[in-house]
Every structure is written in structure tokens, then in C-alpha cells.
N, C-alpha and C. Protein backbone atom coordinates (compact mmCIF):
# COMPACT_ATOMS: atom_id res chain seq x y z
N MET A 1 -90.06 54.76 26.95
CA MET A 1 -90.86 54.20 28.04
C MET A 1 -91.03 55.26 29.12
N ASN A 2 -92.25 55.59 29.45
CA ASN A 2 -92.52 56.56 30.50
C ASN A 2 -92.64 55.84 31.83
N HIS A 3 -91.95 56.35 32.83
CA HIS A 3 -91.98 55.74 34.15
C HIS A 3 -93.08 56.36 35.00
N GLU A 4 -93.56 55.57 35.97
CA GLU A 4 -94.50 56.08 36.95
C GLU A 4 -93.73 56.26 38.26
N VAL A 5 -93.73 57.47 38.77
CA VAL A 5 -93.09 57.78 40.04
C VAL A 5 -94.19 58.04 41.06
N THR A 6 -94.17 57.27 42.14
CA THR A 6 -95.18 57.36 43.18
C THR A 6 -94.53 57.89 44.44
N VAL A 7 -95.21 58.80 45.12
CA VAL A 7 -94.74 59.32 46.40
C VAL A 7 -95.76 58.94 47.46
N TYR A 8 -95.32 58.20 48.47
CA TYR A 8 -96.16 57.96 49.63
C TYR A 8 -95.96 59.15 50.56
N SER A 9 -97.06 59.77 50.92
CA SER A 9 -97.04 61.03 51.64
C SER A 9 -98.18 61.04 52.64
N LYS A 10 -98.27 62.14 53.40
CA LYS A 10 -99.43 62.37 54.25
C LYS A 10 -99.56 63.87 54.47
N PRO A 11 -100.73 64.33 54.87
CA PRO A 11 -100.91 65.76 55.13
C PRO A 11 -99.98 66.24 56.26
N ASP A 12 -99.65 67.51 56.22
CA ASP A 12 -98.82 68.14 57.25
C ASP A 12 -97.47 67.47 57.39
N CYS A 13 -96.86 67.14 56.28
CA CYS A 13 -95.54 66.51 56.26
C CYS A 13 -94.61 67.39 55.42
N PRO A 14 -93.82 68.26 56.06
CA PRO A 14 -92.94 69.15 55.30
C PRO A 14 -91.94 68.41 54.40
N LEU A 15 -91.42 67.27 54.87
CA LEU A 15 -90.49 66.50 54.02
C LEU A 15 -91.21 65.99 52.77
N CYS A 16 -92.46 65.59 52.93
CA CYS A 16 -93.25 65.12 51.79
C CYS A 16 -93.49 66.26 50.81
N ASP A 17 -93.87 67.42 51.34
CA ASP A 17 -94.13 68.57 50.48
C ASP A 17 -92.89 68.94 49.67
N LYS A 18 -91.74 68.92 50.30
CA LYS A 18 -90.49 69.26 49.61
C LYS A 18 -90.17 68.21 48.54
N ALA A 19 -90.34 66.94 48.87
CA ALA A 19 -90.07 65.88 47.89
C ALA A 19 -90.98 66.02 46.68
N ILE A 20 -92.25 66.29 46.90
CA ILE A 20 -93.19 66.45 45.80
C ILE A 20 -92.82 67.66 44.95
N GLU A 21 -92.45 68.75 45.60
CA GLU A 21 -92.04 69.95 44.86
C GLU A 21 -90.83 69.65 43.97
N LEU A 22 -89.83 68.97 44.51
CA LEU A 22 -88.64 68.63 43.73
C LEU A 22 -88.98 67.67 42.59
N LEU A 23 -89.85 66.71 42.86
CA LEU A 23 -90.25 65.77 41.80
C LEU A 23 -91.01 66.49 40.69
N GLU A 24 -91.85 67.44 41.05
CA GLU A 24 -92.58 68.20 40.03
C GLU A 24 -91.61 68.99 39.15
N GLN A 25 -90.54 69.51 39.73
CA GLN A 25 -89.53 70.21 38.94
C GLN A 25 -88.84 69.24 37.98
N HIS A 26 -88.49 68.05 38.46
CA HIS A 26 -87.86 67.04 37.61
C HIS A 26 -88.83 66.54 36.54
N GLN A 27 -90.10 66.46 36.90
CA GLN A 27 -91.12 65.97 35.96
C GLN A 27 -91.17 66.82 34.71
N ARG A 28 -91.04 68.12 34.86
CA ARG A 28 -91.07 69.02 33.70
C ARG A 28 -89.88 68.78 32.78
N ARG A 29 -88.73 68.41 33.35
CA ARG A 29 -87.52 68.19 32.55
C ARG A 29 -87.41 66.76 32.04
N VAL A 30 -87.72 65.80 32.88
CA VAL A 30 -87.47 64.39 32.56
C VAL A 30 -88.68 63.75 31.90
N GLY A 31 -89.87 64.06 32.39
CA GLY A 31 -91.09 63.49 31.84
C GLY A 31 -91.39 62.12 32.44
N PHE A 32 -92.32 62.07 33.36
CA PHE A 32 -92.79 60.83 33.97
C PHE A 32 -94.14 61.12 34.58
N GLU A 33 -94.87 60.07 34.87
CA GLU A 33 -96.16 60.24 35.53
C GLU A 33 -95.91 60.29 37.03
N LEU A 34 -96.42 61.32 37.70
CA LEU A 34 -96.25 61.48 39.14
C LEU A 34 -97.57 61.18 39.83
N VAL A 35 -97.53 60.24 40.77
CA VAL A 35 -98.70 59.86 41.54
C VAL A 35 -98.38 60.09 43.01
N VAL A 36 -99.23 60.85 43.69
CA VAL A 36 -99.06 61.11 45.12
C VAL A 36 -100.13 60.32 45.86
N VAL A 37 -99.69 59.48 46.81
CA VAL A 37 -100.61 58.64 47.57
C VAL A 37 -100.58 59.08 49.03
N ASP A 38 -101.74 59.42 49.56
CA ASP A 38 -101.89 59.79 50.96
C ASP A 38 -102.02 58.50 51.77
N ILE A 39 -100.98 58.16 52.53
CA ILE A 39 -100.99 56.89 53.26
C ILE A 39 -102.01 56.87 54.39
N THR A 40 -102.53 58.02 54.79
CA THR A 40 -103.53 58.03 55.86
C THR A 40 -104.87 57.47 55.38
N GLN A 41 -105.01 57.30 54.07
CA GLN A 41 -106.24 56.75 53.50
C GLN A 41 -106.20 55.23 53.35
N ASP A 42 -105.08 54.62 53.73
CA ASP A 42 -104.90 53.17 53.56
C ASP A 42 -104.16 52.64 54.80
N ASP A 43 -104.87 51.88 55.62
CA ASP A 43 -104.28 51.39 56.88
C ASP A 43 -103.00 50.60 56.66
N GLU A 44 -102.98 49.76 55.64
CA GLU A 44 -101.80 48.93 55.38
C GLU A 44 -100.59 49.81 55.03
N LEU A 45 -100.78 50.77 54.13
CA LEU A 45 -99.68 51.67 53.77
C LEU A 45 -99.25 52.52 54.97
N PHE A 46 -100.22 52.99 55.75
CA PHE A 46 -99.88 53.81 56.91
C PHE A 46 -99.03 53.02 57.90
N ASN A 47 -99.46 51.81 58.21
CA ASN A 47 -98.70 50.98 59.16
C ASN A 47 -97.31 50.65 58.66
N ARG A 48 -97.18 50.49 57.37
CA ARG A 48 -95.88 50.12 56.80
C ARG A 48 -94.93 51.30 56.66
N TYR A 49 -95.44 52.47 56.29
CA TYR A 49 -94.57 53.60 55.92
C TYR A 49 -94.68 54.84 56.81
N CYS A 50 -95.46 54.79 57.89
CA CYS A 50 -95.72 56.02 58.66
C CYS A 50 -94.45 56.67 59.20
N PHE A 51 -93.40 55.91 59.44
CA PHE A 51 -92.15 56.48 59.96
C PHE A 51 -91.10 56.70 58.88
N ASP A 52 -91.41 56.35 57.64
CA ASP A 52 -90.44 56.41 56.56
C ASP A 52 -90.72 57.50 55.53
N ILE A 53 -91.90 58.10 55.58
CA ILE A 53 -92.29 59.02 54.52
C ILE A 53 -91.43 60.28 54.51
N PRO A 54 -91.30 60.86 53.35
CA PRO A 54 -91.83 60.40 52.08
C PRO A 54 -91.06 59.19 51.55
N VAL A 55 -91.77 58.37 50.81
CA VAL A 55 -91.16 57.23 50.13
C VAL A 55 -91.43 57.42 48.64
N VAL A 56 -90.36 57.31 47.84
CA VAL A 56 -90.49 57.46 46.38
C VAL A 56 -90.29 56.10 45.74
N LEU A 57 -91.25 55.71 44.92
CA LEU A 57 -91.17 54.46 44.17
C LEU A 57 -91.12 54.79 42.69
N VAL A 58 -90.36 54.01 41.95
CA VAL A 58 -90.33 54.13 40.50
C VAL A 58 -90.82 52.81 39.94
N ASP A 59 -91.91 52.89 39.19
CA ASP A 59 -92.54 51.70 38.63
C ASP A 59 -92.79 50.65 39.70
N GLY A 60 -93.23 51.13 40.88
CA GLY A 60 -93.60 50.23 41.97
C GLY A 60 -92.45 49.77 42.86
N GLU A 61 -91.23 50.15 42.54
CA GLU A 61 -90.06 49.73 43.31
C GLU A 61 -89.56 50.88 44.18
N PRO A 62 -89.50 50.69 45.51
CA PRO A 62 -89.01 51.76 46.39
C PRO A 62 -87.58 52.16 46.04
N LYS A 63 -87.35 53.48 45.94
CA LYS A 63 -86.02 53.99 45.57
C LYS A 63 -85.45 54.94 46.61
N LEU A 64 -86.28 55.80 47.20
CA LEU A 64 -85.82 56.80 48.16
C LEU A 64 -86.83 56.91 49.29
N GLN A 65 -86.33 57.34 50.46
CA GLN A 65 -87.24 57.63 51.56
C GLN A 65 -86.59 58.61 52.51
N GLY A 66 -87.44 59.26 53.31
CA GLY A 66 -86.94 60.21 54.29
C GLY A 66 -86.59 61.55 53.65
N ILE A 67 -85.42 62.07 53.99
CA ILE A 67 -85.00 63.36 53.44
C ILE A 67 -84.59 63.17 51.98
N ILE A 68 -85.30 63.84 51.10
CA ILE A 68 -85.05 63.73 49.66
C ILE A 68 -84.64 65.10 49.16
N ASP A 69 -83.48 65.15 48.51
CA ASP A 69 -82.97 66.42 48.01
C ASP A 69 -82.68 66.31 46.51
N LYS A 70 -82.23 67.42 45.93
CA LYS A 70 -81.97 67.44 44.49
C LYS A 70 -80.94 66.41 44.08
N GLN A 71 -79.90 66.24 44.89
CA GLN A 71 -78.83 65.30 44.56
C GLN A 71 -79.34 63.86 44.54
N SER A 72 -80.13 63.49 45.52
CA SER A 72 -80.64 62.11 45.55
C SER A 72 -81.56 61.85 44.36
N LEU A 73 -82.34 62.86 43.97
CA LEU A 73 -83.20 62.69 42.79
C LEU A 73 -82.38 62.60 41.51
N LYS A 74 -81.33 63.41 41.39
CA LYS A 74 -80.47 63.33 40.20
C LYS A 74 -79.84 61.95 40.08
N ARG A 75 -79.37 61.41 41.20
CA ARG A 75 -78.80 60.05 41.18
C ARG A 75 -79.84 59.03 40.77
N MET A 76 -81.04 59.15 41.35
CA MET A 76 -82.10 58.19 41.05
C MET A 76 -82.46 58.23 39.57
N PHE A 77 -82.66 59.43 39.01
CA PHE A 77 -83.02 59.54 37.60
C PHE A 77 -81.85 59.16 36.70
N GLY A 78 -80.62 59.43 37.12
CA GLY A 78 -79.45 59.01 36.37
C GLY A 78 -79.38 57.50 36.26
N ASN A 79 -79.67 56.81 37.35
CA ASN A 79 -79.68 55.35 37.34
C ASN A 79 -80.78 54.79 36.45
N ILE A 80 -81.93 55.46 36.44
CA ILE A 80 -83.03 55.03 35.58
C ILE A 80 -82.62 55.15 34.10
N ARG A 81 -81.99 56.28 33.75
CA ARG A 81 -81.57 56.48 32.36
C ARG A 81 -80.54 55.46 31.93
N LYS A 82 -79.61 55.12 32.84
CA LYS A 82 -78.58 54.12 32.52
C LYS A 82 -79.22 52.77 32.21
N ARG A 83 -80.23 52.39 32.99
CA ARG A 83 -80.90 51.10 32.76
C ARG A 83 -81.69 51.10 31.48
N ARG A 84 -82.14 52.28 31.05
CA ARG A 84 -82.95 52.39 29.83
C ARG A 84 -82.12 52.10 28.59
N LYS A 85 -80.81 52.38 28.64
CA LYS A 85 -79.94 52.25 27.47
C LYS A 85 -79.65 50.81 27.13
């Protein structure tokens, strides 16, 4: 089963850029569909997440937000693999 990982982001957001870069690195190893959503294009998403970005969702479920590093992504993907078994 391939998962869809969505990142809520916006332009000029260094934390978002770093999260996307780290996710792209994991994508090559783990294999999942990565979708980047610019919240400035959707008023509802902007109002809901403007202070929380980046926000990472897996299959539509929020998993991480704010400062995202390699360790938090490893934990997130480790938990996904455990549920898959």
C-alpha cells in the first residue's frame, strides 16, 4: 500500500522548505506520493494552519507540524510501517 504524504506549506517559509527537502529524501528510500499544498491558495487552509506550518499529513491524517527534522520523520515512518504489518 502506497501512502500519500501531504505537506501544507507556503512561499517564503524556511521550515516548510526544510520539511519538503527531508521528505523528498525519505521518498526516495521509503516510496510514497508527496503532495505539497500552498495554503495561501485556500482561505480555509490558510486560516486553519497559518501559524502551524509546515504540517505533514499521512493519508489525510495530521502527523507532524512546526519544526520537522530527520528524527521526527524516522519516528513517523517507523510508526506507519508498524501499522502496515
